[in-house]
C-alpha atoms as a PDB file:
ATOM      1  CA  MET A   1      26.139  15.189  -4.418  1.00  0.00           C
ATOM      2  CA  ARG A   2      24.959  18.165  -6.456  1.00  0.00           C
ATOM      3  CA  PRO A   3      24.896  18.209 -10.258  1.00  0.00           C
ATOM      4  CA  ARG A   4      27.363  20.522 -11.975  1.00  0.00           C
ATOM      5  CA  LYS A   5      26.012  23.061 -14.416  1.00  0.00           C
ATOM      6  CA  VAL A   6      24.664  21.235 -17.453  1.00  0.00           C
ATOM      7  CA  LYS A   7      26.346  22.076 -20.746  1.00  0.00           C
ATOM      8  CA  GLY A   8      23.789  20.329 -22.893  1.00  0.00           C
ATOM      9  CA  PHE A   9      20.251  21.507 -23.586  1.00  0.00           C
ATOM     10  CA  PRO A  10      17.277  19.168 -24.066  1.00  0.00           C
ATOM     11  CA  LEU A  11      15.576  19.608 -27.426  1.00  0.00           C
ATOM     12  CA  PHE A  12      12.185  18.921 -25.895  1.00  0.00           C
ATOM     13  CA  SER A  13      10.760  18.583 -22.414  1.00  0.00           C
ATOM     14  CA  TYR A  14      10.006  15.056 -21.210  1.00  0.00           C
ATOM     15  CA  TYR A  15       8.803  13.495 -17.976  1.00  0.00           C
ATOM     16  CA  GLY A  16      11.740  11.934 -16.137  1.00  0.00           C
ATOM     17  CA  SER A  17      14.358  13.597 -18.337  1.00  0.00           C
ATOM     18  CA  LYS A  18      17.923  13.326 -17.067  1.00  0.00           C
ATOM     19  CA  SER A  19      18.821  16.877 -18.158  1.00  0.00           C
ATOM     20  CA  LYS A  20      19.789  17.871 -14.588  1.00  0.00           C
ATOM     21  CA  LEU A  21      21.229  14.523 -13.503  1.00  0.00           C
ATOM     22  CA  ALA A  22      23.170  13.650 -16.665  1.00  0.00           C
ATOM     23  CA  PRO A  23      26.458  15.189 -15.411  1.00  0.00           C
ATOM     24  CA  LEU A  24      26.473  12.757 -12.463  1.00  0.00           C
ATOM     25  CA  TYR A  25      26.709   9.636 -14.603  1.00  0.00           C
ATOM     26  CA  ASP A  26      29.979   8.140 -15.831  1.00  0.00           C
ATOM     27  CA  ARG A  27      31.315   9.672 -19.037  1.00  0.00           C
ATOM     28  CA  PRO A  28      30.986   7.493 -22.156  1.00  0.00           C
ATOM     29  CA  ARG A  29      34.058   5.365 -22.826  1.00  0.00           C
ATOM     30  CA  PHE A  30      33.058   4.231 -26.300  1.00  0.00           C
ATOM     31  CA  ASP A  31      32.579   6.022 -29.604  1.00  0.00           C
ATOM     32  CA  THR A  32      28.966   4.835 -29.758  1.00  0.00           C
ATOM     33  CA  ILE A  33      26.235   5.684 -27.247  1.00  0.00           C
ATOM     34  CA  VAL A  34      23.064   3.592 -27.366  1.00  0.00           C
ATOM     35  CA  GLU A  35      19.964   4.845 -25.553  1.00  0.00           C
ATOM     36  CA  PRO A  36      17.395   2.023 -25.772  1.00  0.00           C
ATOM     37  CA  PHE A  37      14.730   4.135 -23.987  1.00  0.00           C
ATOM     38  CA  ALA A  38      15.486   7.424 -25.700  1.00  0.00           C
ATOM     39  CA  GLY A  39      12.957   9.867 -24.290  1.00  0.00           C
ATOM     40  CA  SER A  40      14.618  13.268 -24.672  1.00  0.00           C
ATOM     41  CA  ALA A  41      18.116  11.657 -24.722  1.00  0.00           C
ATOM     42  CA  ALA A  42      19.528  14.035 -22.124  1.00  0.00           C
ATOM     43  CA  TYR A  43      22.621  11.895 -21.483  1.00  0.00           C
ATOM     44  CA  SER A  44      23.607  11.954 -25.141  1.00  0.00           C
ATOM     45  CA  LEU A  45      23.136  15.736 -25.214  1.00  0.00           C
ATOM     46  CA  ASP A  46      25.144  16.390 -22.057  1.00  0.00           C
ATOM     47  CA  GLY A  47      28.461  18.145 -22.585  1.00  0.00           C
ATOM     48  CA  ASP A  48      30.207  16.843 -25.698  1.00  0.00           C
ATOM     49  CA  ASN A  49      28.490  13.445 -25.643  1.00  0.00           C
ATOM     50  CA  TRP A  50      26.443  14.491 -28.673  1.00  0.00           C
ATOM     51  CA  ARG A  51      29.556  14.244 -30.848  1.00  0.00           C
ATOM     52  CA  LYS A  52      29.555  10.467 -30.407  1.00  0.00           C
ATOM     53  CA  ASN A  53      27.821   8.018 -32.717  1.00  0.00           C
ATOM     54  CA  VAL A  54      24.444   8.186 -30.973  1.00  0.00           C
ATOM     55  CA  VAL A  55      21.817   5.520 -31.640  1.00  0.00           C
ATOM     56  CA  LEU A  56      18.369   5.939 -30.113  1.00  0.00           C
ATOM     57  CA  TYR A  57      15.526   3.459 -29.711  1.00  0.00           C
ATOM     58  CA  ASP A  58      12.056   4.252 -28.452  1.00  0.00           C
ATOM     59  CA  SER A  59       8.908   2.166 -28.770  1.00  0.00           C
ATOM     60  CA  ASN A  60       6.733   5.281 -28.423  1.00  0.00           C
ATOM     61  CA  PRO A  61       5.925   6.305 -32.023  1.00  0.00           C
ATOM     62  CA  LYS A  62       5.421   9.940 -31.024  1.00  0.00           C
ATOM     63  CA  VAL A  63       8.838  10.222 -29.385  1.00  0.00           C
ATOM     64  CA  ALA A  64      10.472   8.466 -32.348  1.00  0.00           C
ATOM     65  CA  ALA A  65       8.696  10.757 -34.823  1.00  0.00           C
ATOM     66  CA  VAL A  66       9.905  13.845 -32.962  1.00  0.00           C
ATOM     67  CA  TRP A  67      13.494  12.585 -33.078  1.00  0.00           C
ATOM     68  CA  ASP A  68      13.213  11.757 -36.757  1.00  0.00           C
ATOM     69  CA  TYR A  69      11.977  15.295 -37.383  1.00  0.00           C
ATOM     70  CA  LEU A  70      14.798  16.862 -35.352  1.00  0.00           C
ATOM     71  CA  ILE A  71      17.443  14.801 -37.151  1.00  0.00           C
ATOM     72  CA  HIS A  72      16.207  15.907 -40.569  1.00  0.00           C
ATOM     73  CA  ALA A  73      14.860  19.426 -39.903  1.00  0.00           C
ATOM     74  CA  THR A  74      16.639  22.420 -41.409  1.00  0.00           C
ATOM     75  CA  ASP A  75      17.209  25.771 -39.715  1.00  0.00           C
ATOM     76  CA  ALA A  76      14.402  27.146 -41.875  1.00  0.00           C
ATOM     77  CA  ASP A  77      12.046  24.411 -40.642  1.00  0.00           C
ATOM     78  CA  ILE A  78      12.820  25.250 -37.015  1.00  0.00           C
ATOM     79  CA  ALA A  79      12.618  29.016 -37.545  1.00  0.00           C
ATOM     80  CA  ALA A  80       9.151  28.605 -39.064  1.00  0.00           C
ATOM     81  CA  LEU A  81       7.718  26.904 -35.972  1.00  0.00           C
ATOM     82  CA  PRO A  82       5.134  29.152 -34.301  1.00  0.00           C
ATOM     83  CA  ASP A  83       5.127  30.673 -30.845  1.00  0.00           C
ATOM     84  CA  VAL A  84       2.365  28.994 -28.865  1.00  0.00           C
ATOM     85  CA  HIS A  85       0.985  30.981 -25.960  1.00  0.00           C
ATOM     86  CA  PRO A  86      -0.917  29.687 -22.908  1.00  0.00           C
ATOM     87  CA  GLY A  87      -4.425  28.680 -23.940  1.00  0.00           C
ATOM     88  CA  GLN A  88      -3.562  28.179 -27.606  1.00  0.00           C
ATOM     89  CA  LYS A  89      -3.688  24.733 -29.204  1.00  0.00           C
ATOM     90  CA  VAL A  90      -1.175  23.184 -31.571  1.00  0.00           C
ATOM     91  CA  THR A  91      -4.136  22.253 -33.755  1.00  0.00           C
ATOM     92  CA  ASP A  92      -4.731  25.992 -34.297  1.00  0.00           C
ATOM     93  CA  PHE A  93      -1.715  25.955 -36.618  1.00  0.00           C
ATOM     94  CA  GLY A  94      -2.788  24.089 -39.739  1.00  0.00           C
ATOM     95  CA  GLN A  95       0.611  24.347 -41.415  1.00  0.00           C
ATOM     96  CA  LEU A  96       2.284  22.042 -38.889  1.00  0.00           C
ATOM     97  CA  SER A  97       3.136  18.430 -39.612  1.00  0.00           C
ATOM     98  CA  GLN A  98       2.140  15.821 -37.046  1.00  0.00           C
ATOM     99  CA  ALA A  99       5.733  15.500 -35.820  1.00  0.00           C
ATOM    100  CA  GLU A 100       5.958  19.282 -35.391  1.00  0.00           C
ATOM    101  CA  ARG A 101       2.735  19.264 -33.358  1.00  0.00           C
ATOM    102  CA  TRP A 102       4.171  16.561 -31.109  1.00  0.00           C
ATOM    103  CA  LEU A 103       7.478  18.415 -30.715  1.00  0.00           C
ATOM    104  CA  ILE A 104       5.691  21.602 -29.712  1.00  0.00           C
ATOM    105  CA  GLY A 105       3.237  19.559 -27.602  1.00  0.00           C
ATOM    106  CA  PHE A 106       6.065  18.330 -25.375  1.00  0.00           C
ATOM    107  CA  ASN A 107       7.240  21.914 -24.814  1.00  0.00           C
ATOM    108  CA  ILE A 108       3.925  23.654 -24.139  1.00  0.00           C
ATOM    109  CA  ASN A 109       3.192  21.532 -21.062  1.00  0.00           C
ATOM    110  CA  ARG A 110       6.593  20.750 -19.660  1.00  0.00           C
ATOM    111  CA  GLY A 111       7.491  17.525 -17.891  1.00  0.00           C
ATOM    112  CA  SER A 112       4.869  15.355 -19.577  1.00  0.00           C
ATOM    113  CA  SER A 113       5.341  11.822 -20.913  1.00  0.00           C
ATOM    114  CA  MET A 114       3.053  12.571 -23.869  1.00  0.00           C
ATOM    115  CA  PRO A 115       2.723  15.676 -26.066  1.00  0.00           C
ATOM    116  CA  LYS A 116      -0.152  17.986 -25.169  1.00  0.00           C
ATOM    117  CA  VAL A 117      -2.530  19.927 -27.406  1.00  0.00           C
ATOM    118  CA  THR A 118      -3.201  23.047 -25.307  1.00  0.00           C
ATOM    119  CA  ALA A 119      -0.429  25.267 -23.945  1.00  0.00           C
ATOM    120  CA  SER A 120      -0.430  25.531 -20.166  1.00  0.00           C
ATOM    121  CA  ARG A 121       0.843  28.406 -18.034  1.00  0.00           C
ATOM    122  CA  ARG A 122       4.123  26.470 -17.885  1.00  0.00           C
ATOM    123  CA  SER A 123       4.378  26.605 -21.652  1.00  0.00           C
ATOM    124  CA  ASP A 124       7.800  26.966 -23.223  1.00  0.00           C
ATOM    125  CA  GLY A 125       6.132  28.240 -26.361  1.00  0.00           C
ATOM    126  CA  LEU A 126       8.390  31.273 -26.743  1.00  0.00           C
ATOM    127  CA  ARG A 127      11.703  29.809 -25.632  1.00  0.00           C
ATOM    128  CA  TYR A 128      11.844  26.385 -27.257  1.00  0.00           C
ATOM    129  CA  ARG A 129      12.456  27.624 -30.806  1.00  0.00           C
ATOM    130  CA  LYS A 130      15.567  29.619 -29.896  1.00  0.00           C
ATOM    131  CA  ALA A 131      16.990  26.630 -28.032  1.00  0.00           C
ATOM    132  CA  LEU A 132      16.247  24.345 -30.979  1.00  0.00           C
ATOM    133  CA  LEU A 133      17.960  26.676 -33.436  1.00  0.00           C
ATOM    134  CA  GLU A 134      21.059  26.763 -31.251  1.00  0.00           C
ATOM    135  CA  ASN A 135      21.223  23.035 -30.568  1.00  0.00           C
ATOM    136  CA  HIS A 136      19.510  20.899 -33.209  1.00  0.00           C
ATOM    137  CA  HIS A 137      22.707  20.716 -35.316  1.00  0.00           C
ATOM    138  CA  LYS A 138      24.075  18.372 -32.640  1.00  0.00           C
ATOM    139  CA  VAL A 139      21.786  15.515 -33.652  1.00  0.00           C
ATOM    140  CA  LYS A 140      22.111  15.549 -37.447  1.00  0.00           C
ATOM    141  CA  HIS A 141      24.355  12.450 -37.422  1.00  0.00           C
ATOM    142  CA  TRP A 142      22.224  10.545 -34.883  1.00  0.00           C
ATOM    143  CA  LYS A 143      19.964   7.594 -35.680  1.00  0.00           C
ATOM    144  CA  ILE A 144      16.508   6.838 -34.297  1.00  0.00           C
ATOM    145  CA  PHE A 145      14.625   3.539 -34.384  1.00  0.00           C
ATOM    146  CA  ASN A 146      10.959   3.303 -33.469  1.00  0.00           C
ATOM    147  CA  ALA A 147      11.491  -0.063 -31.837  1.00  0.00           C
ATOM    148  CA  SER A 148      11.705  -1.800 -28.477  1.00  0.00           C
ATOM    149  CA  TYR A 149      14.976  -2.061 -26.583  1.00  0.00           C
ATOM    150  CA  GLU A 150      15.202  -5.806 -27.347  1.00  0.00           C
ATOM    151  CA  THR A 151      15.813  -5.062 -31.033  1.00  0.00           C
ATOM    152  CA  ALA A 152      19.062  -3.159 -30.381  1.00  0.00           C
ATOM    153  CA  PRO A 153      22.044  -5.225 -31.616  1.00  0.00           C
ATOM    154  CA  ASN A 154      24.539  -6.114 -28.917  1.00  0.00           C
ATOM    155  CA  ARG A 155      27.805  -4.279 -29.513  1.00  0.00           C
ATOM    156  CA  GLU A 156      30.652  -2.705 -27.606  1.00  0.00           C
ATOM    157  CA  ALA A 157      29.206   0.688 -26.766  1.00  0.00           C
ATOM    158  CA  THR A 158      28.165   2.913 -23.910  1.00  0.00           C
ATOM    159  CA  TRP A 159      24.633   1.792 -23.080  1.00  0.00           C
ATOM    160  CA  PHE A 160      22.598   4.396 -21.226  1.00  0.00           C
ATOM    161  CA  VAL A 161      19.490   2.540 -20.097  1.00  0.00           C
ATOM    162  CA  ASP A 162      16.754   4.768 -18.651  1.00  0.00           C
ATOM    163  CA  PRO A 163      13.547   2.683 -18.719  1.00  0.00           C
ATOM    164  CA  PRO A 164      10.156   3.457 -17.192  1.00  0.00           C
ATOM    165  CA  TYR A 165      10.840   3.072 -13.493  1.00  0.00           C
ATOM    166  CA  GLN A 166       9.606  -0.056 -11.763  1.00  0.00           C
ATOM    167  CA  LYS A 167       7.789   1.836  -8.996  1.00  0.00           C
ATOM    168  CA  ASN A 168       6.763   5.074 -10.729  1.00  0.00           C
ATOM    169  CA  GLY A 169       6.791   4.381 -14.455  1.00  0.00           C
ATOM    170  CA  GLN A 170       3.071   4.025 -15.009  1.00  0.00           C
ATOM    171  CA  TYR A 171       2.869   7.240 -17.015  1.00  0.00           C
ATOM    172  CA  TYR A 172       5.149   5.964 -19.761  1.00  0.00           C
ATOM    173  CA  TYR A 173       4.220   4.321 -23.034  1.00  0.00           C
ATOM    174  CA  GLY A 174       4.800   0.558 -22.773  1.00  0.00           C
ATOM    175  CA  PHE A 175       5.025   0.388 -18.980  1.00  0.00           C
ATOM    176  CA  ALA A 176       2.239  -2.207 -18.730  1.00  0.00           C
ATOM    177  CA  ASP A 177       4.255  -4.624 -20.863  1.00  0.00           C
ATOM    178  CA  MET A 178       7.585  -4.201 -19.060  1.00  0.00           C
ATOM    179  CA  ASP A 179       9.239  -7.409 -17.818  1.00  0.00           C
ATOM    180  CA  TYR A 180      11.895  -6.139 -15.435  1.00  0.00           C
ATOM    181  CA  ALA A 181      13.494  -9.530 -14.866  1.00  0.00           C
ATOM    182  CA  ALA A 182      14.002  -9.858 -18.620  1.00  0.00           C
ATOM    183  CA  LEU A 183      15.281  -6.281 -18.827  1.00  0.00           C
ATOM    184  CA  GLY A 184      17.795  -6.965 -16.058  1.00  0.00           C
ATOM    185  CA  LYS A 185      19.102 -10.049 -17.874  1.00  0.00           C
ATOM    186  CA  TRP A 186      19.342  -8.029 -21.101  1.00  0.00           C
ATOM    187  CA  CYS A 187      21.390  -5.319 -19.341  1.00  0.00           C
ATOM    188  CA  LEU A 188      23.773  -7.908 -17.900  1.00  0.00           C
ATOM    189  CA  GLU A 189      24.413  -9.244 -21.405  1.00  0.00           C
ATOM    190  CA  ARG A 190      25.347  -5.896 -22.984  1.00  0.00           C
ATOM    191  CA  LEU A 191      28.882  -5.494 -24.301  1.00  0.00           C
ATOM    192  CA  GLY A 192      30.951  -2.528 -23.179  1.00  0.00           C
ATOM    193  CA  GLN A 193      29.910   0.100 -20.641  1.00  0.00           C
ATOM    194  CA  VAL A 194      26.407  -0.134 -19.168  1.00  0.00           C
ATOM    195  CA  ILE A 195      24.694   2.569 -17.106  1.00  0.00           C
ATOM    196  CA  VAL A 196      21.191   1.772 -15.833  1.00  0.00           C
ATOM    197  CA  CYS A 197      18.971   4.366 -14.165  1.00  0.00           C
ATOM    198  CA  GLU A 198      16.249   3.707 -11.613  1.00  0.00           C
ATOM    199  CA  ASN A 199      14.489   5.086  -8.562  1.00  0.00           C
ATOM    200  CA  ASP A 200      14.923   3.904  -4.996  1.00  0.00           C
ATOM    201  CA  GLY A 201      13.018   0.661  -4.380  1.00  0.00           C
ATOM    202  CA  ALA A 202      13.787  -0.997  -7.716  1.00  0.00           C
ATOM    203  CA  ASP A 203      14.980  -4.578  -7.254  1.00  0.00           C
ATOM    204  CA  TRP A 204      15.689  -5.963 -10.730  1.00  0.00           C
ATOM    205  CA  LEU A 205      19.422  -5.131 -10.529  1.00  0.00           C
ATOM    206  CA  PRO A 206      21.705  -4.445  -7.515  1.00  0.00           C
ATOM    207  CA  PHE A 207      21.367  -0.665  -7.679  1.00  0.00           C
ATOM    208  CA  ARG A 208      23.316   1.815  -5.562  1.00  0.00           C
ATOM    209  CA  VAL A 209      22.391   5.375  -4.605  1.00  0.00           C
ATOM    210  CA  LEU A 210      23.492   8.027  -7.072  1.00  0.00           C
ATOM    211  CA  THR A 211      21.976  11.162  -5.538  1.00  0.00           C
ATOM    212  CA  THR A 212      18.962  12.669  -3.824  1.00  0.00           C
ATOM    213  CA  PHE A 213      17.252  15.532  -5.604  1.00  0.00           C
ATOM    214  CA  ARG A 214      14.110  17.587  -5.429  1.00  0.00           C
ATOM    215  CA  GLY A 215      11.529  16.380  -7.945  1.00  0.00           C
ATOM    216  CA  SER A 216       8.485  18.288  -9.128  1.00  0.00           C
ATOM    217  CA  MET A 217       6.504  17.289  -6.028  1.00  0.00           C
ATOM    218  CA  GLN A 218       8.899  15.635  -3.553  1.00  0.00           C
ATOM    219  CA  SER A 219      12.458  14.536  -2.946  1.00  0.00           C
ATOM    220  CA  GLN A 220      13.604  11.570  -5.022  1.00  0.00           C
ATOM    221  CA  VAL A 221      16.435   9.089  -4.519  1.00  0.00           C
ATOM    222  CA  GLU A 222      18.033   8.259  -7.847  1.00  0.00           C
ATOM    223  CA  VAL A 223      19.889   4.944  -8.036  1.00  0.00           C
ATOM    224  CA  VAL A 224      22.193   3.491 -10.662  1.00  0.00           C
ATOM    225  CA  TRP A 225      23.767   0.192 -11.733  1.00  0.00           C
ATOM    226  CA  THR A 226      26.913   0.131 -13.844  1.00  0.00           C
ATOM    227  CA  GLN A 227      28.960  -2.525 -15.592  1.00  0.00           C
ATOM    228  CA  ASP A 228      32.230  -1.992 -17.394  1.00  0.00           C
ATOM    229  CA  SER A 229      33.096  -5.485 -18.522  1.00  0.00           C
ATOM    230  CA  PRO A 230      31.901  -7.249 -21.689  1.00  0.00           C
ATOM    231  CA  GLY A 231      28.730  -9.270 -21.330  1.00  0.00           C
ATOM    232  CA  GLY A 232      27.987 -12.602 -22.897  1.00  0.00           C
ATOM    233  CA  GLY A 233      25.608 -11.595 -25.658  1.00  0.00           C
ATOM    234  CA  ALA A 234      26.291 -12.306 -29.317  1.00  0.00           C
ATOM    235  CA  HIS A 235      26.712  -9.601 -31.949  1.00  0.00           C
ATOM    236  CA  SER A 236      23.860  -9.046 -34.384  1.00  0.00           C
ATOM    237  CA  HIS A 237      23.134  -6.795 -37.352  1.00  0.00           C
ATOM    238  CA  GLU A 238      21.681  -3.290 -37.280  1.00  0.00           C
ATOM    239  CA  PRO A 239      18.002  -3.050 -38.255  1.00  0.00           C
ATOM    240  CA  SER A 240      17.621  -2.204 -41.931  1.00  0.00           C
ATOM    241  CA  SER A 241      16.084   1.255 -41.456  1.00  0.00           C
ATOM    242  CA  ALA A 242      17.294   4.012 -39.161  1.00  0.00           C
ATOM    243  CA  SER A 243      15.945   7.536 -38.859  1.00  0.00           C
ATOM    244  CA  GLY A 244      12.728   7.740 -40.768  1.00  0.00           C
ATOM    245  CA  SER A 245      11.366   4.537 -39.229  1.00  0.00           C
ATOM    246  CA  ALA A 246       9.055   6.409 -36.888  1.00  0.00           C
END
């Protein structure tokens, strides 16, 4: 199965982003999308998904800070971001906030799980600003929580769960503390529509093959687990602070 042309555009580059695979997943059935491992939130940006009530969680403070910035940034803020050419460092630009440095840092060395300081030859230092100006309006109504997936209240929603992968997730923040048995139980308890991403070889849910695609270095088999019936978890209240918690 080959992905259709992606309508959405990622607002920053991120290792393991679903920007190319997002069209292959089931469309959201609920008005709210929850991404408990936000990353670059490619599923929520695919097509018209961004119009939903999107709630992001990420335990990585740098990722959460970038999302908080994007949610609150104005067109003038984005337009003022500098072009960063190969060999230049984000620290060369003293006017930047820390969140702006991290945002640019993800784009100047594409496909990384952490923002970089020095622009590589693969830098998107000229192109990222135009894409941000054209797309950042899509996230103004979104919410971001700098928190672990366990803190997300159980609710009827479309849950797009894209955690660090069991076999190849060592590059991600928080991988060392992942309890996949507990994560699997948590997914089973979610209310509404649940879509869980993984790589071939994962055994913490009964995954099925979604597609085979060419990764940055080799072919990858992407697998998925879905559930469309209510789970058994109890409802709970939203955390007291949303965007701005990073």
